Amino acid sequence: MSQQVRGIIARAKGEPVSMETIVIPDPGPGEAVVVIQACGVCHTDLHYREGGINDEFPFLLGHEAAGIVESVGTGVTDVAPGDYVILNWRAVCGDCRACRRGQPQYCFDTHNATQKMTLTDGTVLSPALGIGAFCDKTLVAAGQCTKVDPAASPAAAGLLGCGVMAGLGAAINTAGVTRGQTVAVFGCGGVGDAAIAGARLAGASTIIGVDIDDRKLEWAKGFGATHVCNSTETDPVEFIRSVTGGFGADVCIEAIGHPAVYKQAFEARDLAGTVVLVGVPNPEMMLELPFIELFGRGGALKSSWYGDCLPSRDFPMLIDLYLQGRLDLDGFVSETIGLDGVEEAFHKMERGEVLRSVVVF
């Protein structure tokens, strides 16, 4: 029997969000209903509200969440009612060309729930990233539920569902940062600071945070930056060279998604170094680089999709590090809010006042 719950909806491009009554169907084959305990307010949700993802309004926002499995449909064996889970948007199919060659972290056919959540008048909702977790309960594909240690705080654990995992994974998985390397991170918001934390976990010797906001640079120090650079005052390329023996960084991570910043990251890397793009550019942006420099510098230019994570592998491991005190997920939680605080949280995000506002149910 279907249920009615509260949820946050974006009805039209650029309009303030609203709280509505959402109809949640019982889970069908391969699906699960999850009671949401906490959900981070991610910049991707704002992109949805602004029409930057697609125009399939109305959207049920929220995707960076942790909660308890309430019920499952037929054929579900990996999770059961009562399991504490982090929701993910990479429920791997197991059968696409990436999965068949043993690289499920690149799965090209990830699963979402087949059934649709609706408004009470029957209007079909588009759940953000196939999740829709600004909601008391949500319907997802069972593969979008990753079971983790229930000792972890939902407000902190849920952040692995998107932004924090993207940053950690950009450093650990995509760049493959190793002991003693030098790393520069451009953009010290939530994703960038997670990349800094990931570089520290991996044993980087020098970690440089670059931003235009001194407040964010202070946050970066808290997550492990050994040096910081305000790029409105100091040329970041020259600064990075000055603290890396004149060579540039082994790894440069661009967490903004802007061509001018990417060019700085490209120029700031050492010979044979790696640039990782984890910031999301808009579709109109274009990048121009000297072709000879692509050859002459060698190395690698990579993009990081969701931190190239495999949730079943990475989420439990990172939660264990959090519970051991080795990964400060709590440090990313700037504030906890109610479900009715999402619109104001978007404005705080736009003003750069928070790393993460987290809705707690």
Protein backbone atom coordinates (compact mmCIF):
# COMPACT_ATOMS: atom_id res chain seq x y z
CA MET A 1 0.00 0.00 0.00
CA SER A 2 1.39 3.43 -0.92
CA GLN A 3 2.39 5.99 1.72
CA GLN A 4 2.17 9.76 1.88
CA VAL A 5 5.17 11.70 3.24
CA ARG A 6 6.66 15.20 3.18
CA GLY A 7 9.13 16.14 0.47
CA ILE A 8 10.88 19.18 -1.03
CA ILE A 9 9.93 19.93 -4.63
CA ALA A 10 11.37 22.23 -7.31
CA ARG A 11 8.38 22.95 -9.55
CA ALA A 12 9.95 25.28 -12.10
CA LYS A 13 13.31 26.73 -13.10
CA GLY A 14 14.65 29.21 -10.58
CA GLU A 15 11.56 29.18 -8.37
CA PRO A 16 11.87 28.72 -4.59
CA VAL A 17 11.37 25.14 -3.48
CA SER A 18 8.22 24.07 -1.66
CA MET A 19 7.25 21.34 0.79
CA GLU A 20 4.64 19.00 -0.69
CA THR A 21 2.94 15.70 0.07
CA ILE A 22 4.63 12.87 -1.82
CA VAL A 23 3.13 9.47 -2.63
CA ILE A 24 5.62 6.61 -2.15
CA PRO A 25 4.61 3.26 -3.68
CA ASP A 26 5.43 -0.05 -2.07
CA PRO A 27 8.76 -1.38 -3.36
CA GLY A 28 8.57 -3.54 -6.46
CA PRO A 29 11.10 -6.14 -7.63
CA GLY A 30 14.64 -4.92 -6.97
CA GLU A 31 13.47 -1.83 -5.07
CA ALA A 32 13.61 -0.56 -1.49
CA VAL A 33 11.86 2.08 0.60
CA VAL A 34 14.27 3.91 2.90
CA VAL A 35 13.40 6.07 5.92
CA ILE A 36 15.69 9.09 5.58
CA GLN A 37 17.56 10.18 8.72
CA ALA A 38 19.74 12.92 7.24
CA CYS A 39 20.40 14.46 3.82
CA GLY A 40 23.04 17.01 2.85
CA VAL A 41 22.19 20.08 0.78
CA CYS A 42 24.47 19.59 -2.23
CA HIS A 43 25.20 22.05 -5.02
CA THR A 44 23.81 19.49 -7.47
CA ASP A 45 20.35 20.01 -5.93
CA LEU A 46 20.68 23.71 -6.64
CA HIS A 47 21.67 22.86 -10.23
CA TYR A 48 18.43 20.88 -10.52
CA ARG A 49 16.37 23.78 -9.18
CA GLU A 50 18.05 26.17 -11.62
CA GLY A 51 17.41 23.88 -14.59
CA GLY A 52 21.12 23.16 -15.00
CA ILE A 53 20.70 19.36 -15.20
CA ASN A 54 17.60 18.98 -17.37
CA ASP A 55 14.08 20.37 -17.60
CA GLU A 56 12.17 17.36 -16.27
CA PHE A 57 10.33 19.37 -13.61
CA PRO A 58 9.01 18.91 -11.00
CA PHE A 59 12.02 17.51 -9.19
CA LEU A 60 12.05 15.76 -5.83
CA LEU A 61 15.35 17.12 -4.54
CA GLY A 62 17.96 15.62 -2.22
CA HIS A 63 20.38 12.76 -2.80
CA GLU A 64 23.23 12.91 -0.23
CA ALA A 65 21.55 10.77 2.41
CA ALA A 66 21.67 8.07 5.04
CA GLY A 67 18.77 6.17 6.56
CA ILE A 68 17.15 2.85 7.48
CA VAL A 69 15.69 0.36 5.01
CA GLU A 70 11.97 0.04 5.78
CA SER A 71 10.92 -2.53 3.18
CA VAL A 72 12.24 -4.28 0.09
CA GLY A 73 10.70 -5.81 -3.01
CA THR A 74 11.06 -9.30 -4.37
CA GLY A 75 14.50 -10.47 -5.40
CA VAL A 76 16.38 -8.13 -3.06
CA THR A 77 19.10 -9.97 -1.13
CA ASP A 78 21.87 -7.45 -0.42
CA VAL A 79 19.88 -5.34 2.06
CA ALA A 80 16.99 -6.06 4.42
CA PRO A 81 14.55 -4.06 6.54
CA GLY A 82 16.41 -2.47 9.46
CA ASP A 83 19.72 -2.09 7.66
CA TYR A 84 21.49 1.25 8.06
CA VAL A 85 22.50 2.48 4.61
CA ILE A 86 24.05 5.34 2.67
CA LEU A 87 22.26 6.05 -0.59
CA ASN A 88 24.32 6.18 -3.77
CA TRP A 89 23.66 7.07 -7.39
CA ARG A 90 25.89 4.35 -8.81
CA ALA A 91 23.88 1.14 -8.46
CA VAL A 92 26.01 -0.91 -10.83
CA CYS A 93 24.29 -3.11 -13.41
CA GLY A 94 26.90 -5.89 -13.52
CA ASP A 95 26.42 -6.41 -17.25
CA CYS A 96 27.59 -3.33 -19.20
CA ARG A 97 30.96 -3.25 -20.94
CA ALA A 98 32.62 -1.51 -17.95
CA CYS A 99 31.25 -4.03 -15.45
CA ARG A 100 32.17 -6.98 -17.67
CA ARG A 101 35.78 -5.83 -17.90
CA GLY A 102 36.04 -5.58 -14.11
CA GLN A 103 35.61 -1.80 -13.78
CA PRO A 104 32.17 -1.45 -12.17
CA GLN A 105 33.14 1.98 -10.80
CA TYR A 106 32.61 3.18 -14.39
CA CYS A 107 29.27 1.39 -14.84
CA PHE A 108 27.49 2.87 -17.87
CA ASP A 109 24.00 1.57 -17.03
CA THR A 110 23.38 2.26 -13.35
CA HIS A 111 20.01 1.36 -11.88
CA ASN A 112 17.22 3.52 -10.46
CA ALA A 113 13.82 2.51 -9.12
CA THR A 114 11.40 1.49 -11.87
CA GLN A 115 8.28 2.84 -10.19
CA LYS A 116 7.64 6.55 -9.89
CA MET A 117 6.98 8.73 -6.86
CA THR A 118 4.23 11.29 -7.44
CA LEU A 119 2.38 14.23 -5.99
CA THR A 120 -1.09 13.51 -4.61
CA ASP A 121 -2.66 14.64 -7.91
CA GLY A 122 -0.67 12.01 -9.78
CA THR A 123 2.04 14.33 -11.16
CA VAL A 124 5.14 12.21 -11.71
CA LEU A 125 8.28 13.44 -9.93
CA SER A 126 11.88 13.30 -11.16
CA PRO A 127 14.04 12.33 -8.17
CA ALA A 128 17.42 14.08 -8.05
CA LEU A 129 20.10 11.63 -9.22
CA GLY A 130 17.48 8.90 -9.03
CA ILE A 131 17.19 9.28 -5.25
CA GLY A 132 15.00 12.20 -4.06
CA ALA A 133 15.94 12.24 -0.38
CA PHE A 134 14.62 15.60 0.87
CA CYS A 135 11.74 13.41 1.92
CA ASP A 136 10.69 11.47 5.03
CA LYS A 137 11.00 8.28 2.96
CA THR A 138 12.10 7.57 -0.59
CA LEU A 139 11.92 4.76 -3.12
CA VAL A 140 15.19 3.65 -4.72
CA ALA A 141 16.72 0.70 -6.50
CA ALA A 142 18.02 -1.68 -3.84
CA GLY A 143 21.50 -1.36 -5.37
CA GLN A 144 21.45 2.32 -4.39
CA CYS A 145 21.55 1.24 -0.72
CA THR A 146 25.03 0.59 0.69
CA LYS A 147 25.05 -1.01 4.13
CA VAL A 148 27.50 0.55 6.62
CA ASP A 149 28.25 0.48 10.35
CA PRO A 150 25.23 1.95 12.20
CA ALA A 151 27.52 3.62 14.73
CA ALA A 152 28.19 6.39 12.20
CA SER A 153 26.24 9.64 12.56
CA PRO A 154 23.65 9.93 9.73
CA ALA A 155 24.48 13.63 9.23
CA ALA A 156 28.11 12.76 8.56
CA ALA A 157 27.67 9.40 6.83
CA GLY A 158 25.19 10.70 4.27
CA LEU A 159 27.77 13.11 2.88
CA LEU A 160 29.60 10.17 1.35
CA GLY A 161 26.58 9.83 -0.92
CA CYS A 162 27.88 12.61 -3.18
CA GLY A 163 30.14 15.61 -2.53
CA VAL A 164 32.57 14.26 0.05
CA MET A 165 32.96 10.99 -1.86
CA ALA A 166 33.58 12.96 -5.06
CA GLY A 167 36.47 14.83 -3.45
CA LEU A 168 37.97 11.93 -1.54
CA GLY A 169 37.74 9.73 -4.61
CA ALA A 170 39.29 12.36 -6.89
CA ALA A 171 42.43 12.18 -4.77
CA ILE A 172 42.48 8.51 -3.79
CA ASN A 173 40.86 6.74 -6.74
CA THR A 174 41.23 8.97 -9.82
CA ALA A 175 44.58 10.63 -9.10
CA GLY A 176 45.94 7.70 -7.12
CA VAL A 177 47.83 10.00 -4.74
CA THR A 178 50.66 8.12 -3.04
CA ARG A 179 53.01 8.69 -0.11
CA GLY A 180 55.30 11.67 -0.44
CA GLN A 181 53.58 13.27 -3.43
CA THR A 182 52.71 16.95 -3.69
CA VAL A 183 49.07 17.87 -4.31
CA ALA A 184 47.36 21.17 -5.15
CA VAL A 185 43.59 21.54 -4.87
CA PHE A 186 41.87 24.43 -6.64
CA GLY A 187 38.61 25.33 -4.89
CA CYS A 188 38.22 24.71 -1.16
CA GLY A 189 34.51 24.12 -0.81
CA GLY A 190 33.10 20.77 0.28
CA VAL A 191 34.45 18.77 -2.66
CA GLY A 192 37.84 20.47 -2.63
CA ASP A 193 38.27 20.04 1.11
CA ALA A 194 37.36 16.38 0.75
CA ALA A 195 40.09 16.08 -1.89
CA ILE A 196 42.50 17.64 0.61
CA ALA A 197 41.40 15.15 3.26
CA GLY A 198 41.86 12.33 0.75
CA ALA A 199 45.36 13.51 -0.14
CA ARG A 200 46.26 13.55 3.55
CA LEU A 201 44.87 10.03 4.02
CA ALA A 202 46.97 8.85 1.08
CA GLY A 203 50.16 10.27 2.62
CA ALA A 204 50.82 13.36 0.48
CA SER A 205 53.74 15.35 1.89
CA THR A 206 52.67 18.80 0.65
CA ILE A 207 49.04 19.78 0.12
CA ILE A 208 48.22 23.24 -1.24
CA GLY A 209 44.72 24.71 -1.08
CA VAL A 210 43.85 27.47 -3.58
CA ASP A 211 40.75 29.67 -3.32
CA ILE A 212 39.62 33.29 -3.49
CA ASP A 213 38.02 33.24 -0.03
CA ASP A 214 40.21 33.38 3.09
CA ARG A 215 37.46 31.73 5.13
CA LYS A 216 37.55 28.70 2.86
CA LEU A 217 41.32 28.60 3.04
CA GLU A 218 41.07 28.35 6.82
CA TRP A 219 38.68 25.42 6.38
CA ALA A 220 41.22 23.81 4.04
CA LYS A 221 43.90 23.95 6.74
CA GLY A 222 41.58 22.05 9.05
CA PHE A 223 41.31 19.18 6.58
CA GLY A 224 45.04 18.88 5.99
CA ALA A 225 46.31 21.66 3.71
CA THR A 226 49.94 22.39 4.57
CA HIS A 227 49.93 25.60 2.50
CA VAL A 228 47.16 27.89 1.22
CA CYS A 229 47.02 30.52 -1.52
CA ASN A 230 44.46 33.26 -2.09
CA SER A 231 44.56 33.48 -5.89
CA THR A 232 43.19 37.04 -5.90
CA GLU A 233 46.38 38.16 -4.17
CA THR A 234 49.04 35.71 -5.34
CA ASP A 235 49.62 33.90 -8.63
CA PRO A 236 48.71 30.32 -7.67
CA VAL A 237 50.97 28.75 -10.29
CA GLU A 238 54.04 30.57 -9.00
CA PHE A 239 53.02 29.91 -5.40
CA ILE A 240 52.67 26.17 -6.02
CA ARG A 241 56.06 26.07 -7.70
CA SER A 242 57.60 27.99 -4.80
CA VAL A 243 56.54 25.33 -2.28
CA THR A 244 57.36 22.33 -4.48
CA GLY A 245 61.03 23.01 -5.16
CA GLY A 246 60.25 24.97 -8.32
CA PHE A 247 58.74 21.96 -10.07
CA GLY A 248 54.97 22.16 -9.61
CA ALA A 249 52.67 19.65 -7.95
CA ASP A 250 52.57 15.95 -8.77
CA VAL A 251 48.76 16.13 -8.72
CA CYS A 252 46.49 19.14 -9.33
CA ILE A 253 42.79 18.71 -8.58
CA GLU A 254 40.35 21.24 -10.05
CA ALA A 255 37.21 21.35 -7.90
CA ILE A 256 35.55 24.41 -9.47
CA GLY A 257 34.69 23.45 -13.04
CA HIS A 258 35.94 26.64 -14.72
CA PRO A 259 38.27 26.78 -17.75
CA ALA A 260 40.48 29.54 -16.32
CA VAL A 261 40.99 27.59 -13.10
CA TYR A 262 41.65 24.39 -15.03
CA LYS A 263 44.38 26.16 -17.00
CA GLN A 264 46.00 27.20 -13.74
CA ALA A 265 45.90 23.59 -12.56
CA PHE A 266 47.39 22.45 -15.87
CA GLU A 267 50.22 24.97 -15.60
CA ALA A 268 50.88 24.24 -11.93
CA ARG A 269 51.62 20.52 -12.33
CA ASP A 270 55.07 19.02 -12.53
CA LEU A 271 56.34 17.25 -15.64
CA ALA A 272 54.53 13.92 -15.96
CA GLY A 273 52.06 15.17 -13.37
CA THR A 274 48.32 14.57 -13.25
CA VAL A 275 45.40 16.98 -13.49
CA VAL A 276 42.03 15.76 -12.20
CA LEU A 277 38.81 17.61 -13.01
CA VAL A 278 36.11 16.98 -10.41
CA GLY A 279 34.38 20.38 -10.58
CA VAL A 280 31.38 20.33 -12.92
CA PRO A 281 31.54 22.83 -15.83
CA ASN A 282 28.43 24.13 -17.54
CA PRO A 283 27.74 22.96 -21.11
CA GLU A 284 28.66 26.29 -22.71
CA MET A 285 32.23 26.39 -21.38
CA MET A 286 35.17 25.83 -23.71
CA LEU A 287 38.81 25.10 -22.88
CA GLU A 288 41.83 26.12 -24.98
CA LEU A 289 45.35 24.88 -24.18
CA PRO A 290 48.64 25.07 -26.10
CA PHE A 291 48.75 21.75 -27.94
CA ILE A 292 52.52 21.44 -27.59
CA GLU A 293 52.13 21.68 -23.81
CA LEU A 294 49.87 18.64 -23.80
CA PHE A 295 52.72 16.71 -25.37
CA GLY A 296 55.61 18.45 -23.65
CA ARG A 297 54.37 18.10 -20.08
CA GLY A 298 53.35 14.47 -20.44
CA GLY A 299 51.44 12.96 -17.57
CA ALA A 300 47.68 12.61 -17.51
CA LEU A 301 44.54 14.72 -17.72
CA LYS A 302 41.63 12.93 -16.04
CA SER A 303 38.01 13.54 -15.15
CA SER A 304 36.64 12.10 -11.93
CA TRP A 305 33.06 10.75 -12.01
CA TYR A 306 31.66 10.49 -8.47
CA GLY A 307 35.24 10.10 -7.28
CA ASP A 308 35.45 6.96 -9.44
CA CYS A 309 33.99 5.24 -6.42
CA LEU A 310 32.47 1.81 -6.02
CA PRO A 311 30.02 2.35 -3.15
CA SER A 312 30.07 -1.26 -1.96
CA ARG A 313 33.86 -1.05 -1.63
CA ASP A 314 34.45 2.56 -0.61
CA PHE A 315 31.58 3.56 1.70
CA PRO A 316 32.18 0.88 4.39
CA MET A 317 35.94 1.52 4.31
CA LEU A 318 35.54 5.28 4.69
CA ILE A 319 33.00 4.87 7.48
CA ASP A 320 35.48 2.65 9.29
CA LEU A 321 38.12 5.39 8.96
CA TYR A 322 35.59 7.91 10.29
CA LEU A 323 34.81 5.75 13.32
CA GLN A 324 38.54 5.32 13.95
CA GLY A 325 38.94 9.11 14.04
CA ARG A 326 41.07 9.17 10.89
CA LEU A 327 38.54 10.90 8.60
CA ASP A 328 36.73 13.98 9.93
CA LEU A 329 33.33 13.70 8.25
CA ASP A 330 31.78 15.73 11.07
CA GLY A 331 33.96 18.65 10.03
CA PHE A 332 32.02 18.98 6.78
CA VAL A 333 28.71 19.55 8.61
CA SER A 334 28.39 23.33 9.00
CA GLU A 335 24.84 23.19 10.36
CA THR A 336 21.88 20.89 10.78
CA ILE A 337 18.47 22.13 9.67
CA GLY A 338 14.88 20.99 9.32
CA LEU A 339 13.23 20.02 6.05
CA ASP A 340 11.74 23.50 5.80
CA GLY A 341 15.22 25.08 5.77
CA VAL A 342 16.37 23.86 2.33
CA GLU A 343 15.66 27.09 0.42
CA GLU A 344 17.65 29.21 2.89
CA ALA A 345 20.42 26.59 2.82
CA PHE A 346 20.70 27.14 -0.94
CA HIS A 347 21.22 30.86 -0.33
CA LYS A 348 23.89 30.17 2.31
CA MET A 349 25.62 27.89 -0.17
CA GLU A 350 25.56 30.59 -2.86
CA ARG A 351 27.08 33.07 -0.38
CA GLY A 352 29.84 30.63 0.53
CA GLU A 353 28.84 30.54 4.19
CA VAL A 354 28.72 26.76 4.62
CA LEU A 355 30.49 23.58 3.62
CA ARG A 356 27.31 21.58 4.11
CA SER A 357 23.91 22.25 5.56
CA VAL A 358 22.39 18.90 6.49
CA VAL A 359 18.67 18.22 6.85
CA VAL A 360 18.09 16.03 9.91
CA PHE A 361 14.75 14.23 10.18
